[in-house]
Amino acid sequence: MVRKQLYIEEQQERALKNKAKALGISEAELVRQALNTVLKEEAQTRPAEKSLLDTLFAEADQIAKDYQFGEKDSFDRQSLYEDDKRQNRF
């Protein structure tokens, strides 16, 4: 185990002592259990967030595939650089 030191508010101290006593465990064990609960909840929400992001990227990919650029659309680096120079962006 790794030793950690942290500051908590007085009301948290009282609540921690009372809860640990009621459960018959040490304060340190109660803090470890609480931390595990938070970390598990976070791990469970990440797949949903990842799924949402994957959906967004898939939709963006589909839009990019469906969009037809016109003949005048030019995106090469040199022409963009020249346009910026003509418009005094440098």
PDB file of N, CA and C in Angstrom:
ATOM      1  N   MET A   1       0.838  -1.185   0.000  1.00  0.00           N
ATOM      2  CA  MET A   1       0.000   0.000   0.000  1.00  0.00           C
ATOM      3  C   MET A   1       0.882   1.247   0.000  1.00  0.00           C
ATOM      4  N   VAL A   2       0.308   2.322  -0.448  1.00  0.00           N
ATOM      5  CA  VAL A   2       0.991   3.613  -0.497  1.00  0.00           C
ATOM      6  C   VAL A   2       0.341   4.528   0.529  1.00  0.00           C
ATOM      7  N   ARG A   3       1.156   5.225   1.270  1.00  0.00           N
ATOM      8  CA  ARG A   3       0.626   6.142   2.279  1.00  0.00           C
ATOM      9  C   ARG A   3       0.306   7.485   1.619  1.00  0.00           C
ATOM     10  N   LYS A   4      -0.881   8.006   1.883  1.00  0.00           N
ATOM     11  CA  LYS A   4      -1.305   9.316   1.380  1.00  0.00           C
ATOM     12  C   LYS A   4      -1.752  10.162   2.561  1.00  0.00           C
ATOM     13  N   GLN A   5      -1.527  11.432   2.447  1.00  0.00           N
ATOM     14  CA  GLN A   5      -1.952  12.357   3.483  1.00  0.00           C
ATOM     15  C   GLN A   5      -2.812  13.414   2.816  1.00  0.00           C
ATOM     16  N   LEU A   6      -3.965  13.731   3.419  1.00  0.00           N
ATOM     17  CA  LEU A   6      -4.841  14.722   2.819  1.00  0.00           C
ATOM     18  C   LEU A   6      -5.547  15.532   3.886  1.00  0.00           C
ATOM     19  N   TYR A   7      -6.056  16.665   3.470  1.00  0.00           N
ATOM     20  CA  TYR A   7      -6.799  17.544   4.373  1.00  0.00           C
ATOM     21  C   TYR A   7      -8.282  17.407   4.082  1.00  0.00           C
ATOM     22  N   ILE A   8      -9.067  17.295   5.150  1.00  0.00           N
ATOM     23  CA  ILE A   8     -10.520  17.260   5.007  1.00  0.00           C
ATOM     24  C   ILE A   8     -11.113  18.272   5.976  1.00  0.00           C
ATOM     25  N   GLU A   9     -12.358  18.638   5.733  1.00  0.00           N
ATOM     26  CA  GLU A   9     -13.032  19.595   6.606  1.00  0.00           C
ATOM     27  C   GLU A   9     -13.446  18.912   7.905  1.00  0.00           C
ATOM     28  N   GLU A  10     -13.667  19.716   8.931  1.00  0.00           N
ATOM     29  CA  GLU A  10     -14.030  19.172  10.237  1.00  0.00           C
ATOM     30  C   GLU A  10     -15.307  18.338  10.176  1.00  0.00           C
ATOM     31  N   GLN A  11     -16.289  18.807   9.422  1.00  0.00           N
ATOM     32  CA  GLN A  11     -17.538  18.047   9.327  1.00  0.00           C
ATOM     33  C   GLN A  11     -17.303  16.716   8.619  1.00  0.00           C
ATOM     34  N   GLN A  12     -16.385  16.691   7.656  1.00  0.00           N
ATOM     35  CA  GLN A  12     -16.044  15.436   6.984  1.00  0.00           C
ATOM     36  C   GLN A  12     -15.356  14.489   7.963  1.00  0.00           C
ATOM     37  N   GLU A  13     -14.510  15.036   8.810  1.00  0.00           N
ATOM     38  CA  GLU A  13     -13.815  14.243   9.836  1.00  0.00           C
ATOM     39  C   GLU A  13     -14.823  13.572  10.761  1.00  0.00           C
ATOM     40  N   ARG A  14     -15.794  14.335  11.235  1.00  0.00           N
ATOM     41  CA  ARG A  14     -16.811  13.780  12.136  1.00  0.00           C
ATOM     42  C   ARG A  14     -17.627  12.705  11.428  1.00  0.00           C
ATOM     43  N   ALA A  15     -18.040  13.006  10.206  1.00  0.00           N
ATOM     44  CA  ALA A  15     -18.857  12.049   9.455  1.00  0.00           C
ATOM     45  C   ALA A  15     -18.058  10.778   9.153  1.00  0.00           C
ATOM     46  N   LEU A  16     -16.788  10.934   8.821  1.00  0.00           N
ATOM     47  CA  LEU A  16     -15.924   9.783   8.544  1.00  0.00           C
ATOM     48  C   LEU A  16     -15.789   8.897   9.774  1.00  0.00           C
ATOM     49  N   LYS A  17     -15.523   9.504  10.902  1.00  0.00           N
ATOM     50  CA  LYS A  17     -15.385   8.747  12.156  1.00  0.00           C
ATOM     51  C   LYS A  17     -16.687   8.000  12.483  1.00  0.00           C
ATOM     52  N   ASN A  18     -17.814   8.697  12.396  1.00  0.00           N
ATOM     53  CA  ASN A  18     -19.107   8.087  12.715  1.00  0.00           C
ATOM     54  C   ASN A  18     -19.443   6.934  11.775  1.00  0.00           C
ATOM     55  N   LYS A  19     -19.231   7.138  10.481  1.00  0.00           N
ATOM     56  CA  LYS A  19     -19.568   6.105   9.499  1.00  0.00           C
ATOM     57  C   LYS A  19     -18.666   4.888   9.652  1.00  0.00           C
ATOM     58  N   ALA A  20     -17.364   5.115   9.830  1.00  0.00           N
ATOM     59  CA  ALA A  20     -16.428   4.000  10.008  1.00  0.00           C
ATOM     60  C   ALA A  20     -16.792   3.195  11.257  1.00  0.00           C
ATOM     61  N   LYS A  21     -17.128   3.889  12.333  1.00  0.00           N
ATOM     62  CA  LYS A  21     -17.513   3.213  13.577  1.00  0.00           C
ATOM     63  C   LYS A  21     -18.787   2.399  13.376  1.00  0.00           C
ATOM     64  N   ALA A  22     -19.767   2.987  12.693  1.00  0.00           N
ATOM     65  CA  ALA A  22     -21.032   2.294  12.446  1.00  0.00           C
ATOM     66  C   ALA A  22     -20.830   1.042  11.590  1.00  0.00           C
ATOM     67  N   LEU A  23     -19.885   1.111  10.645  1.00  0.00           N
ATOM     68  CA  LEU A  23     -19.618  -0.041   9.773  1.00  0.00           C
ATOM     69  C   LEU A  23     -18.637  -1.035  10.396  1.00  0.00           C
ATOM     70  N   GLY A  24     -17.964  -0.614  11.462  1.00  0.00           N
ATOM     71  CA  GLY A  24     -17.003  -1.493  12.120  1.00  0.00           C
ATOM     72  C   GLY A  24     -15.708  -1.652  11.340  1.00  0.00           C
ATOM     73  N   ILE A  25     -15.340  -0.614  10.598  1.00  0.00           N
ATOM     74  CA  ILE A  25     -14.096  -0.641   9.827  1.00  0.00           C
ATOM     75  C   ILE A  25     -13.281   0.602  10.161  1.00  0.00           C
ATOM     76  N   SER A  26     -12.029   0.594   9.731  1.00  0.00           N
ATOM     77  CA  SER A  26     -11.177   1.757   9.988  1.00  0.00           C
ATOM     78  C   SER A  26     -11.567   2.898   9.053  1.00  0.00           C
ATOM     79  N   GLU A  27     -11.186   4.090   9.448  1.00  0.00           N
ATOM     80  CA  GLU A  27     -11.427   5.252   8.588  1.00  0.00           C
ATOM     81  C   GLU A  27     -10.691   5.094   7.257  1.00  0.00           C
ATOM     82  N   ALA A  28      -9.476   4.567   7.328  1.00  0.00           N
ATOM     83  CA  ALA A  28      -8.693   4.367   6.100  1.00  0.00           C
ATOM     84  C   ALA A  28      -9.399   3.402   5.152  1.00  0.00           C
ATOM     85  N   GLU A  29      -9.970   2.323   5.716  1.00  0.00           N
ATOM     86  CA  GLU A  29     -10.687   1.357   4.867  1.00  0.00           C
ATOM     87  C   GLU A  29     -11.911   2.007   4.237  1.00  0.00           C
ATOM     88  N   LEU A  30     -12.611   2.823   4.999  1.00  0.00           N
ATOM     89  CA  LEU A  30     -13.783   3.515   4.457  1.00  0.00           C
ATOM     90  C   LEU A  30     -13.383   4.446   3.318  1.00  0.00           C
ATOM     91  N   VAL A  31     -12.279   5.164   3.473  1.00  0.00           N
ATOM     92  CA  VAL A  31     -11.794   6.058   2.410  1.00  0.00           C
ATOM     93  C   VAL A  31     -11.423   5.235   1.179  1.00  0.00           C
ATOM     94  N   ARG A  32     -10.742   4.080   1.370  1.00  0.00           N
ATOM     95  CA  ARG A  32     -10.383   3.222   0.230  1.00  0.00           C
ATOM     96  C   ARG A  32     -11.624   2.734  -0.501  1.00  0.00           C
ATOM     97  N   GLN A  33     -12.636   2.317   0.255  1.00  0.00           N
ATOM     98  CA  GLN A  33     -13.873   1.839  -0.364  1.00  0.00           C
ATOM     99  C   GLN A  33     -14.567   2.950  -1.146  1.00  0.00           C
ATOM    100  N   ALA A  34     -14.600   4.149  -0.559  1.00  0.00           N
ATOM    101  CA  ALA A  34     -15.227   5.286  -1.240  1.00  0.00           C
ATOM    102  C   ALA A  34     -14.471   5.611  -2.536  1.00  0.00           C
ATOM    103  N   LEU A  35     -13.153   5.577  -2.468  1.00  0.00           N
ATOM    104  CA  LEU A  35     -12.342   5.854  -3.650  1.00  0.00           C
ATOM    105  C   LEU A  35     -12.585   4.806  -4.729  1.00  0.00           C
ATOM    106  N   ASN A  36     -12.645   3.545  -4.333  1.00  0.00           N
ATOM    107  CA  ASN A  36     -12.936   2.476  -5.296  1.00  0.00           C
ATOM    108  C   ASN A  36     -14.288   2.676  -5.964  1.00  0.00           C
ATOM    109  N   THR A  37     -15.278   3.088  -5.192  1.00  0.00           N
ATOM    110  CA  THR A  37     -16.613   3.329  -5.746  1.00  0.00           C
ATOM    111  C   THR A  37     -16.574   4.434  -6.803  1.00  0.00           C
ATOM    112  N   VAL A  38     -15.901   5.516  -6.482  1.00  0.00           N
ATOM    113  CA  VAL A  38     -15.805   6.637  -7.426  1.00  0.00           C
ATOM    114  C   VAL A  38     -15.070   6.208  -8.690  1.00  0.00           C
ATOM    115  N   LEU A  39     -13.973   5.485  -8.536  1.00  0.00           N
ATOM    116  CA  LEU A  39     -13.185   5.066  -9.695  1.00  0.00           C
ATOM    117  C   LEU A  39     -13.949   4.077 -10.569  1.00  0.00           C
ATOM    118  N   LYS A  40     -14.729   3.191  -9.957  1.00  0.00           N
ATOM    119  CA  LYS A  40     -15.543   2.247 -10.734  1.00  0.00           C
ATOM    120  C   LYS A  40     -16.628   2.978 -11.507  1.00  0.00           C
ATOM    121  N   GLU A  41     -17.276   3.957 -10.877  1.00  0.00           N
ATOM    122  CA  GLU A  41     -18.315   4.733 -11.558  1.00  0.00           C
ATOM    123  C   GLU A  41     -17.719   5.471 -12.745  1.00  0.00           C
ATOM    124  N   GLU A  42     -16.536   6.029 -12.559  1.00  0.00           N
ATOM    125  CA  GLU A  42     -15.875   6.758 -13.643  1.00  0.00           C
ATOM    126  C   GLU A  42     -15.549   5.817 -14.790  1.00  0.00           C
ATOM    127  N   ALA A  43     -15.063   4.624 -14.472  1.00  0.00           N
ATOM    128  CA  ALA A  43     -14.714   3.653 -15.508  1.00  0.00           C
ATOM    129  C   ALA A  43     -15.960   3.211 -16.272  1.00  0.00           C
ATOM    130  N   GLN A  44     -17.094   3.152 -15.600  1.00  0.00           N
ATOM    131  CA  GLN A  44     -18.332   2.728 -16.260  1.00  0.00           C
ATOM    132  C   GLN A  44     -18.901   3.814 -17.159  1.00  0.00           C
ATOM    133  N   THR A  45     -18.626   5.083 -16.872  1.00  0.00           N
ATOM    134  CA  THR A  45     -19.156   6.148 -17.712  1.00  0.00           C
ATOM    135  C   THR A  45     -18.282   6.377 -18.943  1.00  0.00           C
ATOM    136  N   ARG A  46     -17.035   6.023 -18.882  1.00  0.00           N
ATOM    137  CA  ARG A  46     -16.148   6.246 -20.028  1.00  0.00           C
ATOM    138  C   ARG A  46     -16.603   5.543 -21.301  1.00  0.00           C
ATOM    139  N   PRO A  47     -17.045   4.257 -21.242  1.00  0.00           N
ATOM    140  CA  PRO A  47     -17.486   3.634 -22.493  1.00  0.00           C
ATOM    141  C   PRO A  47     -18.623   4.388 -23.158  1.00  0.00           C
ATOM    142  N   ALA A  48     -19.548   4.937 -22.366  1.00  0.00           N
ATOM    143  CA  ALA A  48     -20.656   5.699 -22.953  1.00  0.00           C
ATOM    144  C   ALA A  48     -20.130   6.945 -23.638  1.00  0.00           C
ATOM    145  N   GLU A  49     -19.192   7.634 -23.000  1.00  0.00           N
ATOM    146  CA  GLU A  49     -18.606   8.827 -23.597  1.00  0.00           C
ATOM    147  C   GLU A  49     -17.841   8.461 -24.859  1.00  0.00           C
ATOM    148  N   LYS A  50     -17.114   7.342 -24.827  1.00  0.00           N
ATOM    149  CA  LYS A  50     -16.352   6.902 -25.984  1.00  0.00           C
ATOM    150  C   LYS A  50     -17.309   6.550 -27.117  1.00  0.00           C
ATOM    151  N   SER A  51     -18.409   5.894 -26.780  1.00  0.00           N
ATOM    152  CA  SER A  51     -19.396   5.529 -27.785  1.00  0.00           C
ATOM    153  C   SER A  51     -19.981   6.771 -28.444  1.00  0.00           C
ATOM    154  N   LEU A  52     -20.270   7.784 -27.652  1.00  0.00           N
ATOM    155  CA  LEU A  52     -20.795   9.035 -28.189  1.00  0.00           C
ATOM    156  C   LEU A  52     -19.790   9.681 -29.127  1.00  0.00           C
ATOM    157  N   LEU A  53     -18.530   9.679 -28.723  1.00  0.00           N
ATOM    158  CA  LEU A  53     -17.474  10.253 -29.551  1.00  0.00           C
ATOM    159  C   LEU A  53     -17.310   9.448 -30.834  1.00  0.00           C
ATOM    160  N   ASP A  54     -17.362   8.123 -30.737  1.00  0.00           N
ATOM    161  CA  ASP A  54     -17.263   7.278 -31.931  1.00  0.00           C
ATOM    162  C   ASP A  54     -18.411   7.565 -32.897  1.00  0.00           C
ATOM    163  N   THR A  55     -19.604   7.770 -32.353  1.00  0.00           N
ATOM    164  CA  THR A  55     -20.763   8.095 -33.187  1.00  0.00           C
ATOM    165  C   THR A  55     -20.559   9.429 -33.895  1.00  0.00           C
ATOM    166  N   LEU A  56     -20.058  10.408 -33.167  1.00  0.00           N
ATOM    167  CA  LEU A  56     -19.785  11.723 -33.751  1.00  0.00           C
ATOM    168  C   LEU A  56     -18.773  11.619 -34.887  1.00  0.00           C
ATOM    169  N   PHE A  57     -17.685  10.874 -34.654  1.00  0.00           N
ATOM    170  CA  PHE A  57     -16.669  10.714 -35.695  1.00  0.00           C
ATOM    171  C   PHE A  57     -17.225   9.957 -36.905  1.00  0.00           C
ATOM    172  N   ALA A  58     -18.044   8.954 -36.666  1.00  0.00           N
ATOM    173  CA  ALA A  58     -18.640   8.191 -37.770  1.00  0.00           C
ATOM    174  C   ALA A  58     -19.540   9.087 -38.611  1.00  0.00           C
ATOM    175  N   GLU A  59     -20.319   9.927 -37.943  1.00  0.00           N
ATOM    176  CA  GLU A  59     -21.184  10.858 -38.681  1.00  0.00           C
ATOM    177  C   GLU A  59     -20.355  11.867 -39.466  1.00  0.00           C
ATOM    178  N   ALA A  60     -19.283  12.354 -38.878  1.00  0.00           N
ATOM    179  CA  ALA A  60     -18.402  13.296 -39.578  1.00  0.00           C
ATOM    180  C   ALA A  60     -17.766  12.633 -40.791  1.00  0.00           C
ATOM    181  N   ASP A  61     -17.348  11.375 -40.638  1.00  0.00           N
ATOM    182  CA  ASP A  61     -16.773  10.646 -41.771  1.00  0.00           C
ATOM    183  C   ASP A  61     -17.791  10.487 -42.898  1.00  0.00           C
ATOM    184  N   GLN A  62     -19.035  10.193 -42.516  1.00  0.00           N
ATOM    185  CA  GLN A  62     -20.075  10.022 -43.536  1.00  0.00           C
ATOM    186  C   GLN A  62     -20.360  11.336 -44.255  1.00  0.00           C
ATOM    187  N   ILE A  63     -20.416  12.428 -43.529  1.00  0.00           N
ATOM    188  CA  ILE A  63     -20.621  13.741 -44.141  1.00  0.00           C
ATOM    189  C   ILE A  63     -19.484  14.048 -45.103  1.00  0.00           C
ATOM    190  N   ALA A  64     -18.258  13.755 -44.690  1.00  0.00           N
ATOM    191  CA  ALA A  64     -17.097  14.007 -45.556  1.00  0.00           C
ATOM    192  C   ALA A  64     -17.167  13.168 -46.823  1.00  0.00           C
ATOM    193  N   LYS A  65     -17.637  11.925 -46.713  1.00  0.00           N
ATOM    194  CA  LYS A  65     -17.753  11.060 -47.896  1.00  0.00           C
ATOM    195  C   LYS A  65     -18.856  11.559 -48.833  1.00  0.00           C
ATOM    196  N   ASP A  66     -19.960  12.027 -48.258  1.00  0.00           N
ATOM    197  CA  ASP A  66     -21.110  12.451 -49.057  1.00  0.00           C
ATOM    198  C   ASP A  66     -20.921  13.815 -49.702  1.00  0.00           C
ATOM    199  N   TYR A  67     -20.112  14.676 -49.104  1.00  0.00           N
ATOM    200  CA  TYR A  67     -19.951  16.036 -49.615  1.00  0.00           C
ATOM    201  C   TYR A  67     -19.120  16.024 -50.894  1.00  0.00           C
ATOM    202  N   GLN A  68     -19.618  16.717 -51.882  1.00  0.00           N
ATOM    203  CA  GLN A  68     -18.905  16.820 -53.159  1.00  0.00           C
ATOM    204  C   GLN A  68     -18.290  18.204 -53.268  1.00  0.00           C
ATOM    205  N   PHE A  69     -16.973  18.266 -53.356  1.00  0.00           N
ATOM    206  CA  PHE A  69     -16.299  19.538 -53.524  1.00  0.00           C
ATOM    207  C   PHE A  69     -16.442  19.995 -54.964  1.00  0.00           C
ATOM    208  N   GLY A  70     -16.608  21.298 -55.139  1.00  0.00           N
ATOM    209  CA  GLY A  70     -16.691  21.857 -56.482  1.00  0.00           C
ATOM    210  C   GLY A  70     -15.316  21.930 -57.128  1.00  0.00           C
ATOM    211  N   GLU A  71     -15.311  22.197 -58.437  1.00  0.00           N
ATOM    212  CA  GLU A  71     -14.043  22.270 -59.159  1.00  0.00           C
ATOM    213  C   GLU A  71     -13.175  23.426 -58.664  1.00  0.00           C
ATOM    214  N   LYS A  72     -13.811  24.492 -58.160  1.00  0.00           N
ATOM    215  CA  LYS A  72     -13.057  25.652 -57.693  1.00  0.00           C
ATOM    216  C   LYS A  72     -12.476  25.449 -56.290  1.00  0.00           C
ATOM    217  N   ASP A  73     -12.956  24.417 -55.609  1.00  0.00           N
ATOM    218  CA  ASP A  73     -12.435  24.158 -54.267  1.00  0.00           C
ATOM    219  C   ASP A  73     -11.007  23.645 -54.369  1.00  0.00           C
ATOM    220  N   SER A  74     -10.116  24.365 -53.735  1.00  0.00           N
ATOM    221  CA  SER A  74      -8.715  23.977 -53.757  1.00  0.00           C
ATOM    222  C   SER A  74      -8.163  24.070 -52.346  1.00  0.00           C
ATOM    223  N   PHE A  75      -7.555  23.006 -51.896  1.00  0.00           N
ATOM    224  CA  PHE A  75      -7.078  22.974 -50.525  1.00  0.00           C
ATOM    225  C   PHE A  75      -5.602  22.634 -50.407  1.00  0.00           C
ATOM    226  N   ASP A  76      -4.849  22.848 -51.490  1.00  0.00           N
ATOM    227  CA  ASP A  76      -3.435  22.540 -51.353  1.00  0.00           C
ATOM    228  C   ASP A  76      -2.743  23.654 -50.573  1.00  0.00           C
ATOM    229  N   ARG A  77      -1.712  23.305 -49.862  1.00  0.00           N
ATOM    230  CA  ARG A  77      -1.035  24.202 -48.940  1.00  0.00           C
ATOM    231  C   ARG A  77      -0.514  25.463 -49.628  1.00  0.00           C
ATOM    232  N   GLN A  78       0.074  25.317 -50.783  1.00  0.00           N
ATOM    233  CA  GLN A  78       0.675  26.457 -51.472  1.00  0.00           C
ATOM    234  C   GLN A  78      -0.380  27.500 -51.859  1.00  0.00           C
ATOM    235  N   SER A  79      -1.518  27.051 -52.385  1.00  0.00           N
ATOM    236  CA  SER A  79      -2.542  28.026 -52.784  1.00  0.00           C
ATOM    237  C   SER A  79      -3.137  28.725 -51.553  1.00  0.00           C
ATOM    238  N   LEU A  80      -3.295  28.015 -50.460  1.00  0.00           N
ATOM    239  CA  LEU A  80      -3.783  28.648 -49.240  1.00  0.00           C
ATOM    240  C   LEU A  80      -2.772  29.666 -48.716  1.00  0.00           C
ATOM    241  N   TYR A  81      -1.501  29.332 -48.785  1.00  0.00           N
ATOM    242  CA  TYR A  81      -0.447  30.242 -48.357  1.00  0.00           C
ATOM    243  C   TYR A  81      -0.461  31.501 -49.218  1.00  0.00           C
ATOM    244  N   GLU A  82      -0.596  31.326 -50.539  1.00  0.00           N
ATOM    245  CA  GLU A  82      -0.621  32.474 -51.442  1.00  0.00           C
ATOM    246  C   GLU A  82      -1.841  33.354 -51.190  1.00  0.00           C
ATOM    247  N   ASP A  83      -2.986  32.746 -50.922  1.00  0.00           N
ATOM    248  CA  ASP A  83      -4.191  33.515 -50.591  1.00  0.00           C
ATOM    249  C   ASP A  83      -3.963  34.347 -49.338  1.00  0.00           C
ATOM    250  N   ASP A  84      -3.350  33.755 -48.332  1.00  0.00           N
ATOM    251  CA  ASP A  84      -3.065  34.483 -47.088  1.00  0.00           C
ATOM    252  C   ASP A  84      -2.104  35.650 -47.342  1.00  0.00           C
ATOM    253  N   LYS A  85      -1.117  35.436 -48.185  1.00  0.00           N
ATOM    254  CA  LYS A  85      -0.160  36.494 -48.491  1.00  0.00           C
ATOM    255  C   LYS A  85      -0.867  37.646 -49.211  1.00  0.00           C
ATOM    256  N   ARG A  86      -1.741  37.312 -50.159  1.00  0.00           N
ATOM    257  CA  ARG A  86      -2.462  38.351 -50.898  1.00  0.00           C
ATOM    258  C   ARG A  86      -3.371  39.154 -49.979  1.00  0.00           C
ATOM    259  N   GLN A  87      -3.902  38.516 -48.948  1.00  0.00           N
ATOM    260  CA  GLN A  87      -4.799  39.213 -48.025  1.00  0.00           C
ATOM    261  C   GLN A  87      -4.040  39.770 -46.830  1.00  0.00           C
ATOM    262  N   ASN A  88      -2.727  39.809 -46.913  1.00  0.00           N
ATOM    263  CA  ASN A  88      -1.864  40.379 -45.877  1.00  0.00           C
ATOM    264  C   ASN A  88      -2.105  39.772 -44.495  1.00  0.00           C
ATOM    265  N   ARG A  89      -2.234  38.471 -44.418  1.00  0.00           N
ATOM    266  CA  ARG A  89      -2.436  37.803 -43.129  1.00  0.00           C
ATOM    267  C   ARG A  89      -1.105  37.495 -42.453  1.00  0.00           C
ATOM    268  N   PHE A  90      -0.013  37.721 -43.149  1.00  0.00           N
ATOM    269  CA  PHE A  90       1.302  37.456 -42.552  1.00  0.00           C
ATOM    270  C   PHE A  90       1.970  38.744 -42.192  1.00  0.00           C
TER     271      PHE A  90
END
